[in-house]
C-alpha atoms as a PDB file:
ATOM      1  CA  MET A   1     -34.874  36.050 -78.574  1.00  0.00           C
ATOM      2  CA  SER A   2     -35.506  32.297 -78.705  1.00  0.00           C
ATOM      3  CA  ARG A   3     -37.377  30.072 -81.140  1.00  0.00           C
ATOM      4  CA  ILE A   4     -39.803  28.060 -79.022  1.00  0.00           C
ATOM      5  CA  LEU A   5     -42.150  25.192 -79.825  1.00  0.00           C
ATOM      6  CA  VAL A   6     -45.328  25.008 -77.727  1.00  0.00           C
ATOM      7  CA  THR A   7     -47.294  21.833 -78.378  1.00  0.00           C
ATOM      8  CA  GLY A   8     -51.050  21.830 -77.909  1.00  0.00           C
ATOM      9  CA  SER A   9     -51.252  25.578 -78.393  1.00  0.00           C
ATOM     10  CA  ALA A  10     -54.717  25.903 -79.938  1.00  0.00           C
ATOM     11  CA  ASP A  11     -56.276  26.667 -76.558  1.00  0.00           C
ATOM     12  CA  GLY A  12     -55.803  26.552 -72.786  1.00  0.00           C
ATOM     13  CA  LEU A  13     -52.390  26.811 -71.176  1.00  0.00           C
ATOM     14  CA  GLY A  14     -50.562  26.198 -74.442  1.00  0.00           C
ATOM     15  CA  ARG A  15     -52.360  29.026 -76.181  1.00  0.00           C
ATOM     16  CA  ALA A  16     -51.692  31.341 -73.228  1.00  0.00           C
ATOM     17  CA  ALA A  17     -47.983  30.468 -73.167  1.00  0.00           C
ATOM     18  CA  ALA A  18     -47.591  30.851 -76.933  1.00  0.00           C
ATOM     19  CA  GLU A  19     -49.344  34.214 -76.953  1.00  0.00           C
ATOM     20  CA  ALA A  20     -47.276  35.534 -74.036  1.00  0.00           C
ATOM     21  CA  LEU A  21     -43.983  34.427 -75.586  1.00  0.00           C
ATOM     22  CA  LEU A  22     -44.925  35.897 -78.953  1.00  0.00           C
ATOM     23  CA  SER A  23     -45.841  39.196 -77.279  1.00  0.00           C
ATOM     24  CA  ARG A  24     -42.383  39.288 -75.707  1.00  0.00           C
ATOM     25  CA  GLY A  25     -40.720  39.062 -79.111  1.00  0.00           C
ATOM     26  CA  HIS A  26     -39.833  35.375 -79.263  1.00  0.00           C
ATOM     27  CA  GLN A  27     -40.201  33.316 -82.427  1.00  0.00           C
ATOM     28  CA  VAL A  28     -42.941  30.852 -81.497  1.00  0.00           C
ATOM     29  CA  VAL A  29     -43.857  27.613 -83.253  1.00  0.00           C
ATOM     30  CA  VAL A  30     -47.478  26.801 -82.474  1.00  0.00           C
ATOM     31  CA  HIS A  31     -48.994  23.350 -82.844  1.00  0.00           C
ATOM     32  CA  ALA A  32     -52.489  22.037 -83.502  1.00  0.00           C
ATOM     33  CA  ARG A  33     -53.669  18.466 -83.917  1.00  0.00           C
ATOM     34  CA  SER A  34     -55.682  19.072 -87.099  1.00  0.00           C
ATOM     35  CA  PRO A  35     -56.187  21.668 -89.842  1.00  0.00           C
ATOM     36  CA  ARG A  36     -59.558  22.528 -88.311  1.00  0.00           C
ATOM     37  CA  ARG A  37     -57.997  23.211 -84.909  1.00  0.00           C
ATOM     38  CA  ALA A  38     -55.201  25.145 -86.604  1.00  0.00           C
ATOM     39  CA  GLY A  39     -57.752  27.780 -87.591  1.00  0.00           C
ATOM     40  CA  ARG A  40     -57.829  28.866 -83.952  1.00  0.00           C
ATOM     41  CA  LEU A  41     -54.218  29.954 -84.337  1.00  0.00           C
ATOM     42  CA  ASP A  42     -54.729  32.199 -87.371  1.00  0.00           C
ATOM     43  CA  ASP A  43     -54.307  35.351 -85.305  1.00  0.00           C
ATOM     44  CA  LEU A  44     -50.978  34.176 -83.869  1.00  0.00           C
ATOM     45  CA  VAL A  45     -49.750  33.098 -87.302  1.00  0.00           C
ATOM     46  CA  ALA A  46     -50.715  36.551 -88.617  1.00  0.00           C
ATOM     47  CA  ARG A  47     -48.460  37.993 -85.914  1.00  0.00           C
ATOM     48  CA  GLY A  48     -45.527  35.885 -87.066  1.00  0.00           C
ATOM     49  CA  ALA A  49     -45.896  32.516 -85.354  1.00  0.00           C
ATOM     50  CA  GLU A  50     -44.946  29.402 -87.314  1.00  0.00           C
ATOM     51  CA  LEU A  51     -47.484  26.577 -87.474  1.00  0.00           C
ATOM     52  CA  VAL A  52     -47.085  22.802 -87.355  1.00  0.00           C
ATOM     53  CA  VAL A  53     -49.988  20.357 -87.504  1.00  0.00           C
ATOM     54  CA  ALA A  54     -49.845  16.793 -86.199  1.00  0.00           C
ATOM     55  CA  ASP A  55     -52.273  14.449 -84.497  1.00  0.00           C
ATOM     56  CA  PHE A  56     -50.339  13.116 -81.509  1.00  0.00           C
ATOM     57  CA  THR A  57     -52.326   9.870 -81.521  1.00  0.00           C
ATOM     58  CA  ASP A  58     -50.689   9.108 -84.896  1.00  0.00           C
ATOM     59  CA  ARG A  59     -47.022   8.186 -84.467  1.00  0.00           C
ATOM     60  CA  ASP A  60     -46.259   8.710 -88.148  1.00  0.00           C
ATOM     61  CA  ALA A  61     -47.636  12.246 -87.857  1.00  0.00           C
ATOM     62  CA  VAL A  62     -45.411  12.856 -84.822  1.00  0.00           C
ATOM     63  CA  ARG A  63     -42.413  11.590 -86.790  1.00  0.00           C
ATOM     64  CA  ARG A  64     -43.251  13.870 -89.729  1.00  0.00           C
ATOM     65  CA  MET A  65     -43.533  16.842 -87.389  1.00  0.00           C
ATOM     66  CA  ALA A  66     -40.174  15.990 -85.797  1.00  0.00           C
ATOM     67  CA  GLY A  67     -38.607  15.824 -89.239  1.00  0.00           C
ATOM     68  CA  GLU A  68     -40.048  19.194 -90.269  1.00  0.00           C
ATOM     69  CA  LEU A  69     -38.737  20.825 -87.129  1.00  0.00           C
ATOM     70  CA  ALA A  70     -35.329  19.150 -87.358  1.00  0.00           C
ATOM     71  CA  ALA A  71     -34.902  20.575 -90.870  1.00  0.00           C
ATOM     72  CA  ALA A  72     -35.703  24.126 -89.726  1.00  0.00           C
ATOM     73  CA  ALA A  73     -33.877  26.596 -87.484  1.00  0.00           C
ATOM     74  CA  PRO A  74     -32.723  25.291 -84.076  1.00  0.00           C
ATOM     75  CA  LEU A  75     -35.139  25.524 -81.172  1.00  0.00           C
ATOM     76  CA  GLY A  76     -34.191  27.372 -78.027  1.00  0.00           C
ATOM     77  CA  ALA A  77     -36.871  25.530 -76.062  1.00  0.00           C
ATOM     78  CA  VAL A  78     -39.692  23.028 -76.367  1.00  0.00           C
ATOM     79  CA  ILE A  79     -42.710  23.211 -74.078  1.00  0.00           C
ATOM     80  CA  HIS A  80     -44.416  19.810 -74.183  1.00  0.00           C
ATOM     81  CA  ASN A  81     -47.824  21.157 -73.250  1.00  0.00           C
ATOM     82  CA  ALA A  82     -50.236  18.988 -75.277  1.00  0.00           C
ATOM     83  CA  GLY A  83     -52.324  16.673 -73.137  1.00  0.00           C
ATOM     84  CA  VAL A  84     -55.676  15.000 -72.711  1.00  0.00           C
ATOM     85  CA  TRP A  85     -57.572  14.158 -69.550  1.00  0.00           C
ATOM     86  CA  SER A  86     -59.312  10.905 -70.414  1.00  0.00           C
ATOM     87  CA  GLY A  87     -60.024   8.325 -73.094  1.00  0.00           C
ATOM     88  CA  PRO A  88     -57.811   6.187 -75.297  1.00  0.00           C
ATOM     89  CA  ALA A  89     -55.546   9.103 -76.318  1.00  0.00           C
ATOM     90  CA  VAL A  90     -54.115   9.575 -72.807  1.00  0.00           C
ATOM     91  CA  MET A  91     -50.913   7.552 -73.198  1.00  0.00           C
ATOM     92  CA  PRO A  92     -50.264   8.365 -76.886  1.00  0.00           C
ATOM     93  CA  VAL A  93     -50.652  12.120 -76.384  1.00  0.00           C
ATOM     94  CA  ASN A  94     -49.364  12.577 -72.834  1.00  0.00           C
ATOM     95  CA  VAL A  95     -46.351  10.241 -72.971  1.00  0.00           C
ATOM     96  CA  VAL A  96     -45.557   8.635 -76.334  1.00  0.00           C
ATOM     97  CA  ALA A  97     -45.636  11.845 -78.391  1.00  0.00           C
ATOM     98  CA  PRO A  98     -43.337  13.867 -76.094  1.00  0.00           C
ATOM     99  CA  TYR A  99     -41.006  10.872 -75.877  1.00  0.00           C
ATOM    100  CA  LEU A 100     -40.835  10.534 -79.673  1.00  0.00           C
ATOM    101  CA  LEU A 101     -40.299  14.261 -80.213  1.00  0.00           C
ATOM    102  CA  THR A 102     -37.524  14.253 -77.619  1.00  0.00           C
ATOM    103  CA  ALA A 103     -35.881  11.200 -79.178  1.00  0.00           C
ATOM    104  CA  LEU A 104     -36.177  12.311 -82.818  1.00  0.00           C
ATOM    105  CA  MET A 105     -35.461  16.046 -82.729  1.00  0.00           C
ATOM    106  CA  PRO A 106     -32.092  17.730 -82.179  1.00  0.00           C
ATOM    107  CA  ALA A 107     -31.816  18.689 -78.527  1.00  0.00           C
ATOM    108  CA  PRO A 108     -33.186  22.212 -77.979  1.00  0.00           C
ATOM    109  CA  GLY A 109     -31.693  24.649 -75.524  1.00  0.00           C
ATOM    110  CA  ARG A 110     -34.282  23.735 -72.861  1.00  0.00           C
ATOM    111  CA  LEU A 111     -37.101  21.240 -72.327  1.00  0.00           C
ATOM    112  CA  VAL A 112     -40.282  21.730 -70.325  1.00  0.00           C
ATOM    113  CA  TYR A 113     -42.796  18.910 -69.831  1.00  0.00           C
ATOM    114  CA  LEU A 114     -46.275  19.530 -68.467  1.00  0.00           C
ATOM    115  CA  SER A 115     -46.962  17.429 -65.393  1.00  0.00           C
ATOM    116  CA  SER A 116     -49.812  17.552 -62.870  1.00  0.00           C
ATOM    117  CA  GLY A 117     -50.384  17.156 -59.166  1.00  0.00           C
ATOM    118  CA  SER A 118     -52.297  14.055 -60.216  1.00  0.00           C
ATOM    119  CA  HIS A 119     -48.970  12.344 -60.867  1.00  0.00           C
ATOM    120  CA  PHE A 120     -48.752  11.642 -57.128  1.00  0.00           C
ATOM    121  CA  SER A 121     -51.627   9.187 -57.609  1.00  0.00           C
ATOM    122  CA  GLY A 122     -49.870   7.485 -60.516  1.00  0.00           C
ATOM    123  CA  ARG A 123     -48.576   3.927 -60.254  1.00  0.00           C
ATOM    124  CA  PRO A 124     -44.926   3.272 -61.150  1.00  0.00           C
ATOM    125  CA  VAL A 125     -45.961   0.075 -62.937  1.00  0.00           C
ATOM    126  CA  LEU A 126     -45.235  -0.360 -66.641  1.00  0.00           C
ATOM    127  CA  ASP A 127     -46.475  -3.892 -67.205  1.00  0.00           C
ATOM    128  CA  GLY A 128     -49.597  -3.966 -69.331  1.00  0.00           C
ATOM    129  CA  VAL A 129     -49.706  -0.234 -70.080  1.00  0.00           C
ATOM    130  CA  ASP A 130     -51.789   0.453 -73.211  1.00  0.00           C
ATOM    131  CA  TRP A 131     -49.379   2.650 -75.161  1.00  0.00           C
ATOM    132  CA  GLN A 132     -51.368   2.210 -78.380  1.00  0.00           C
ATOM    133  CA  GLY A 133     -54.489   3.913 -77.034  1.00  0.00           C
ATOM    134  CA  LEU A 134     -56.772   0.949 -77.579  1.00  0.00           C
ATOM    135  CA  GLY A 135     -58.645   1.632 -74.352  1.00  0.00           C
ATOM    136  CA  PRO A 136     -58.947   4.311 -71.678  1.00  0.00           C
ATOM    137  CA  GLY A 137     -55.673   5.165 -69.983  1.00  0.00           C
ATOM    138  CA  SER A 138     -54.929   6.538 -66.537  1.00  0.00           C
ATOM    139  CA  TYR A 139     -54.254  10.272 -66.543  1.00  0.00           C
ATOM    140  CA  ALA A 140     -52.421  10.029 -63.211  1.00  0.00           C
ATOM    141  CA  ASP A 141     -50.152   7.273 -64.537  1.00  0.00           C
ATOM    142  CA  SER A 142     -49.442   9.247 -67.719  1.00  0.00           C
ATOM    143  CA  LYS A 143     -48.375  12.286 -65.724  1.00  0.00           C
ATOM    144  CA  LEU A 144     -46.130  10.184 -63.494  1.00  0.00           C
ATOM    145  CA  PHE A 145     -44.500   8.715 -66.600  1.00  0.00           C
ATOM    146  CA  VAL A 146     -43.929  12.065 -68.328  1.00  0.00           C
ATOM    147  CA  THR A 147     -42.542  13.572 -65.108  1.00  0.00           C
ATOM    148  CA  ALA A 148     -40.104  10.665 -64.876  1.00  0.00           C
ATOM    149  CA  LEU A 149     -39.259  11.214 -68.568  1.00  0.00           C
ATOM    150  CA  ALA A 150     -38.324  14.828 -67.832  1.00  0.00           C
ATOM    151  CA  ALA A 151     -36.054  13.679 -64.990  1.00  0.00           C
ATOM    152  CA  ALA A 152     -34.495  10.949 -67.146  1.00  0.00           C
ATOM    153  CA  VAL A 153     -33.699  13.444 -69.907  1.00  0.00           C
ATOM    154  CA  ALA A 154     -32.142  15.758 -67.319  1.00  0.00           C
ATOM    155  CA  ARG A 155     -29.889  12.907 -66.186  1.00  0.00           C
ATOM    156  CA  LEU A 156     -28.948  11.636 -69.635  1.00  0.00           C
ATOM    157  CA  ARG A 157     -28.563  15.040 -71.332  1.00  0.00           C
ATOM    158  CA  PRO A 158     -26.864  17.166 -68.667  1.00  0.00           C
ATOM    159  CA  GLY A 159     -26.260  19.993 -71.127  1.00  0.00           C
ATOM    160  CA  THR A 160     -30.004  20.512 -71.701  1.00  0.00           C
ATOM    161  CA  PRO A 161     -32.056  21.838 -68.780  1.00  0.00           C
ATOM    162  CA  SER A 162     -35.134  19.617 -68.511  1.00  0.00           C
ATOM    163  CA  HIS A 163     -37.994  20.248 -66.108  1.00  0.00           C
ATOM    164  CA  ALA A 164     -41.555  19.179 -65.317  1.00  0.00           C
ATOM    165  CA  VAL A 165     -44.218  21.724 -64.395  1.00  0.00           C
ATOM    166  CA  ASP A 166     -47.428  21.283 -62.431  1.00  0.00           C
ATOM    167  CA  PRO A 167     -49.602  24.196 -63.610  1.00  0.00           C
ATOM    168  CA  GLY A 168     -52.202  23.617 -60.924  1.00  0.00           C
ATOM    169  CA  TRP A 169     -55.886  22.909 -61.387  1.00  0.00           C
ATOM    170  CA  VAL A 170     -56.697  25.846 -63.620  1.00  0.00           C
ATOM    171  CA  PRO A 171     -59.902  26.934 -65.438  1.00  0.00           C
ATOM    172  CA  THR A 172     -59.165  25.639 -68.934  1.00  0.00           C
ATOM    173  CA  LYS A 173     -61.317  23.383 -71.084  1.00  0.00           C
ATOM    174  CA  MET A 174     -59.631  20.447 -69.410  1.00  0.00           C
ATOM    175  CA  GLY A 175     -59.768  21.839 -65.878  1.00  0.00           C
ATOM    176  CA  GLY A 176     -63.320  23.164 -66.099  1.00  0.00           C
ATOM    177  CA  PRO A 177     -64.708  26.638 -65.334  1.00  0.00           C
ATOM    178  CA  ASN A 178     -64.750  26.131 -61.561  1.00  0.00           C
ATOM    179  CA  ALA A 179     -61.103  25.108 -61.188  1.00  0.00           C
ATOM    180  CA  PRO A 180     -59.691  27.009 -58.183  1.00  0.00           C
ATOM    181  CA  ASP A 181     -56.118  27.734 -59.295  1.00  0.00           C
ATOM    182  CA  ASP A 182     -54.675  30.777 -61.070  1.00  0.00           C
ATOM    183  CA  LEU A 183     -54.658  30.416 -64.875  1.00  0.00           C
ATOM    184  CA  LYS A 184     -51.977  33.093 -65.308  1.00  0.00           C
ATOM    185  CA  LEU A 185     -49.632  31.437 -62.823  1.00  0.00           C
ATOM    186  CA  GLY A 186     -50.410  28.143 -64.557  1.00  0.00           C
ATOM    187  CA  HIS A 187     -48.576  29.101 -67.725  1.00  0.00           C
ATOM    188  CA  GLN A 188     -46.001  31.582 -66.428  1.00  0.00           C
ATOM    189  CA  THR A 189     -43.760  28.877 -64.964  1.00  0.00           C
ATOM    190  CA  GLN A 190     -43.523  27.169 -68.369  1.00  0.00           C
ATOM    191  CA  GLU A 191     -42.459  30.431 -69.989  1.00  0.00           C
ATOM    192  CA  TRP A 192     -40.006  31.249 -67.208  1.00  0.00           C
ATOM    193  CA  LEU A 193     -38.257  27.889 -67.497  1.00  0.00           C
ATOM    194  CA  ALA A 194     -38.196  28.130 -71.308  1.00  0.00           C
ATOM    195  CA  VAL A 195     -36.673  31.609 -71.636  1.00  0.00           C
ATOM    196  CA  GLY A 196     -35.897  33.001 -68.184  1.00  0.00           C
ATOM    197  CA  ASP A 197     -32.407  34.100 -67.182  1.00  0.00           C
ATOM    198  CA  ASP A 198     -32.700  33.542 -63.418  1.00  0.00           C
ATOM    199  CA  PRO A 199     -30.161  31.045 -62.027  1.00  0.00           C
ATOM    200  CA  GLU A 200     -32.968  28.587 -61.221  1.00  0.00           C
ATOM    201  CA  THR A 201     -33.831  28.281 -64.906  1.00  0.00           C
ATOM    202  CA  MET A 202     -30.309  27.047 -65.627  1.00  0.00           C
ATOM    203  CA  THR A 203     -30.719  24.083 -63.265  1.00  0.00           C
ATOM    204  CA  THR A 204     -32.169  20.788 -64.435  1.00  0.00           C
ATOM    205  CA  GLY A 205     -34.352  17.902 -63.287  1.00  0.00           C
ATOM    206  CA  GLY A 206     -36.843  20.014 -61.346  1.00  0.00           C
ATOM    207  CA  TYR A 207     -40.525  19.544 -60.642  1.00  0.00           C
ATOM    208  CA  TRP A 208     -42.109  23.018 -60.353  1.00  0.00           C
ATOM    209  CA  TYR A 209     -45.345  24.531 -59.155  1.00  0.00           C
ATOM    210  CA  HIS A 210     -45.799  28.298 -59.576  1.00  0.00           C
ATOM    211  CA  ARG A 211     -42.035  28.880 -59.843  1.00  0.00           C
ATOM    212  CA  GLN A 212     -41.378  26.899 -56.671  1.00  0.00           C
ATOM    213  CA  ARG A 213     -39.356  23.705 -56.894  1.00  0.00           C
ATOM    214  CA  ARG A 214     -41.092  20.799 -55.159  1.00  0.00           C
ATOM    215  CA  GLN A 215     -40.412  17.154 -54.434  1.00  0.00           C
ATOM    216  CA  PRO A 216     -42.234  14.872 -56.906  1.00  0.00           C
ATOM    217  CA  HIS A 217     -43.409  11.280 -56.533  1.00  0.00           C
ATOM    218  CA  ALA A 218     -40.537   9.092 -55.284  1.00  0.00           C
ATOM    219  CA  ALA A 219     -40.479   7.098 -58.538  1.00  0.00           C
ATOM    220  CA  VAL A 220     -39.615  10.185 -60.615  1.00  0.00           C
ATOM    221  CA  HIS A 221     -35.964  10.221 -59.513  1.00  0.00           C
ATOM    222  CA  ASP A 222     -35.649   6.433 -59.263  1.00  0.00           C
ATOM    223  CA  GLU A 223     -33.059   5.763 -61.976  1.00  0.00           C
ATOM    224  CA  ALA A 224     -34.089   2.122 -62.318  1.00  0.00           C
ATOM    225  CA  PHE A 225     -37.679   3.200 -62.999  1.00  0.00           C
ATOM    226  CA  GLN A 226     -36.493   5.887 -65.443  1.00  0.00           C
ATOM    227  CA  ASP A 227     -34.382   3.358 -67.331  1.00  0.00           C
ATOM    228  CA  HIS A 228     -37.234   0.840 -67.441  1.00  0.00           C
ATOM    229  CA  LEU A 229     -39.604   3.524 -68.761  1.00  0.00           C
ATOM    230  CA  LEU A 230     -37.148   4.491 -71.502  1.00  0.00           C
ATOM    231  CA  GLU A 231     -36.595   0.836 -72.434  1.00  0.00           C
ATOM    232  CA  VAL A 232     -40.331   0.195 -72.694  1.00  0.00           C
ATOM    233  CA  LEU A 233     -40.926   3.329 -74.777  1.00  0.00           C
ATOM    234  CA  ALA A 234     -37.980   2.549 -77.054  1.00  0.00           C
ATOM    235  CA  GLU A 235     -39.282  -0.956 -77.649  1.00  0.00           C
ATOM    236  CA  GLU A 236     -42.832   0.270 -78.158  1.00  0.00           C
ATOM    237  CA  THR A 237     -41.897   2.990 -80.668  1.00  0.00           C
ATOM    238  CA  GLY A 238     -38.825   1.434 -82.256  1.00  0.00           C
ATOM    239  CA  THR A 239     -36.979   4.635 -81.376  1.00  0.00           C
ATOM    240  CA  ALA A 240     -34.353   4.906 -78.642  1.00  0.00           C
ATOM    241  CA  LEU A 241     -33.581   8.095 -76.773  1.00  0.00           C
ATOM    242  CA  GLY A 242     -30.090   8.971 -77.935  1.00  0.00           C
END
């Protein structure tokens, strides 16, 4: 059984993935952005889940969380699920936090980053991006960037399977009650890539939708764009991806 971190696990897809993995006997580390939100995870903690709390808009909090996890038992997988749809937190939460955690923590057995079909509308332009969250950011751009991050990690860390997952437009708090896609299928691909033993889960650099590998935006596998993204994030955070 693996030890798995699921970020943004207080509700939605993250909560569903954490609960399913815990039910299957895995050691799950759940994450909430605040002590108040952490109360939603009391039932999972009572069942044996570990808890970490960090506001992903606060880089120092992300660094503290990375340090706590680095000092604990190794992780078999990290599911970078936390995300926001709109507002000034879009880039800090959707891109900067997963980048920092990836750069600061010992490499886990596997990495899964939550993407979106919206990434196809993203612009592969890094000039003038508001990484600090001082104004509203583009969700589509953030998902393009994090999908490219997953592909860059796959290229630079060939021993660590790294994938991006489009869960579909599912009926979560973010997606809304009328979202047409299947909520169960939305989180199963994350779990499958994190702990599955099928040959496909041992590959790397994939963009997946409902356990089917698909072709992402052309910029995702553009190595020059990947390198530029990593350079910008390293300069912005003062932390390079080793």
